[in-house]
């Protein structure tokens, strides 16, 4: 079992930056050498959408609208996954969730709110 806790959300003006962090209760790589860590977001009245992912081989992928603005990274022997968000836009406003796909299971955090508004 893995618990994920997100932090770092808040209110920021358009063009600003935020750094989200997701702390895991145990090292993801201690469960399996193969895993995918990711961030998803859900705006009010909309479905939860995938934003970015990092795999155990180091490969990263991004949803088209965040490419060049967001950077995903795994830290501390994969007990944390971060999302650096730059050049934020009002349409980035959403609840952001981290996800760990490891050992045949999918784990979710509770989410952290990001609001981009002037």
Protein backbone atom coordinates (compact mmCIF):
# COMPACT_ATOMS: atom_id res chain seq x y z
CA UNK A 1 0.00 0.00 0.00
CA UNK A 2 1.19 3.50 -0.86
CA UNK A 3 -0.21 6.80 0.37
CA UNK A 4 0.37 9.88 -1.77
CA UNK A 5 0.12 13.43 -0.45
CA UNK A 6 0.25 16.44 -2.75
CA UNK A 7 1.32 19.93 -1.77
CA UNK A 8 2.28 23.23 -3.35
CA UNK A 9 -0.98 24.37 -4.88
CA UNK A 10 -2.32 27.87 -4.52
CA UNK A 11 -3.38 31.05 -6.26
CA UNK A 12 -1.07 32.51 -8.87
CA UNK A 13 -1.39 35.20 -11.51
CA UNK A 14 -1.30 34.34 -15.22
CA UNK A 15 2.29 33.93 -16.34
CA UNK A 16 3.40 32.88 -12.90
CA UNK A 17 4.89 29.63 -11.63
CA UNK A 18 4.06 26.97 -9.06
CA UNK A 19 5.87 23.84 -7.97
CA UNK A 20 3.76 20.86 -6.93
CA UNK A 21 5.15 18.00 -4.91
CA UNK A 22 3.75 14.55 -4.19
CA UNK A 23 5.25 12.62 -1.30
CA UNK A 24 4.89 8.86 -1.16
CA UNK A 25 4.70 6.93 2.09
CA UNK A 26 7.37 4.55 0.80
CA UNK A 27 9.85 4.49 -2.04
CA UNK A 28 8.04 3.54 -5.23
CA UNK A 29 11.13 1.81 -6.58
CA UNK A 30 11.23 -0.43 -3.50
CA UNK A 31 7.94 -1.97 -4.68
CA UNK A 32 8.97 -2.58 -8.27
CA UNK A 33 11.72 -1.50 -10.62
CA UNK A 34 9.02 -0.76 -13.22
CA UNK A 35 6.60 2.05 -12.50
CA UNK A 36 4.98 5.15 -13.91
CA UNK A 37 4.42 8.28 -11.85
CA UNK A 38 2.11 10.96 -13.12
CA UNK A 39 0.06 14.07 -12.59
CA UNK A 40 -3.56 14.51 -13.61
CA UNK A 41 -5.94 17.43 -13.21
CA UNK A 42 -9.66 18.00 -12.99
CA UNK A 43 -11.34 21.31 -13.63
CA UNK A 44 -14.84 22.00 -12.25
CA UNK A 45 -17.47 20.20 -14.30
CA UNK A 46 -14.90 18.34 -16.35
CA UNK A 47 -13.34 14.89 -16.36
CA UNK A 48 -9.97 14.16 -14.83
CA UNK A 49 -7.28 14.48 -17.50
CA UNK A 50 -3.74 13.26 -17.69
CA UNK A 51 -1.07 16.01 -17.60
CA UNK A 52 2.39 14.45 -17.37
CA UNK A 53 4.16 11.19 -16.57
CA UNK A 54 7.61 9.90 -15.79
CA UNK A 55 8.51 6.24 -16.19
CA UNK A 56 11.07 4.11 -14.39
CA UNK A 57 13.36 4.36 -17.42
CA UNK A 58 13.36 8.13 -17.07
CA UNK A 59 11.14 8.83 -20.05
CA UNK A 60 8.79 11.77 -19.61
CA UNK A 61 5.62 12.60 -21.52
CA UNK A 62 3.36 15.63 -21.46
CA UNK A 63 -0.10 16.55 -22.60
CA UNK A 64 0.19 18.90 -25.57
CA UNK A 65 -1.14 22.00 -23.83
CA UNK A 66 1.55 21.88 -21.12
CA UNK A 67 4.58 20.95 -23.23
CA UNK A 68 7.35 23.47 -22.79
CA UNK A 69 5.72 24.90 -19.66
CA UNK A 70 5.54 21.99 -17.19
CA UNK A 71 8.35 19.70 -16.06
CA UNK A 72 7.86 16.44 -14.18
CA UNK A 73 10.62 14.90 -12.09
CA UNK A 74 11.07 12.12 -9.54
CA UNK A 75 13.20 12.76 -6.50
CA UNK A 76 14.74 11.01 -3.51
CA UNK A 77 14.77 7.47 -4.87
CA UNK A 78 11.17 7.93 -6.06
CA UNK A 79 9.58 8.78 -2.76
CA UNK A 80 8.41 12.02 -4.36
CA UNK A 81 7.28 13.25 -7.74
CA UNK A 82 7.29 16.93 -8.58
CA UNK A 83 5.64 19.09 -11.20
CA UNK A 84 7.20 22.45 -12.00
CA UNK A 85 4.62 24.63 -13.71
CA UNK A 86 5.71 27.80 -15.51
CA UNK A 87 3.89 30.33 -17.66
CA UNK A 88 0.61 29.36 -16.06
CA UNK A 89 -2.66 30.17 -17.81
CA UNK A 90 -6.20 30.54 -16.44
CA UNK A 91 -7.10 27.29 -18.22
CA UNK A 92 -4.58 25.48 -16.01
CA UNK A 93 -6.92 26.07 -13.07
CA UNK A 94 -7.87 22.67 -11.64
CA UNK A 95 -7.42 20.22 -8.82
CA UNK A 96 -4.12 18.44 -9.46
CA UNK A 97 -3.67 14.80 -8.47
CA UNK A 98 -0.57 12.64 -8.45
CA UNK A 99 -0.72 9.00 -9.40
CA UNK A 100 1.60 6.04 -8.94
CA UNK A 101 1.19 2.99 -11.16
CA UNK A 102 3.37 0.30 -9.63
CA UNK A 103 3.24 -3.40 -8.82
CA UNK A 104 -0.06 -3.87 -10.63
CA UNK A 105 -1.79 -1.22 -8.55
CA UNK A 106 -2.74 2.40 -9.12
CA UNK A 107 -2.57 4.86 -6.24
CA UNK A 108 -3.95 8.39 -6.10
CA UNK A 109 -3.39 11.36 -3.85
CA UNK A 110 -6.14 13.59 -2.49
CA UNK A 111 -5.28 16.50 -4.76
CA UNK A 112 -4.06 20.07 -4.45
CA UNK A 113 -5.89 23.07 -5.90
CA UNK A 114 -4.23 25.32 -8.45
CA UNK A 115 -5.97 28.56 -9.35
CA UNK A 116 -4.61 30.87 -12.03
CA UNK A 117 -6.32 34.24 -11.90
CA UNK A 118 -5.55 37.93 -11.86
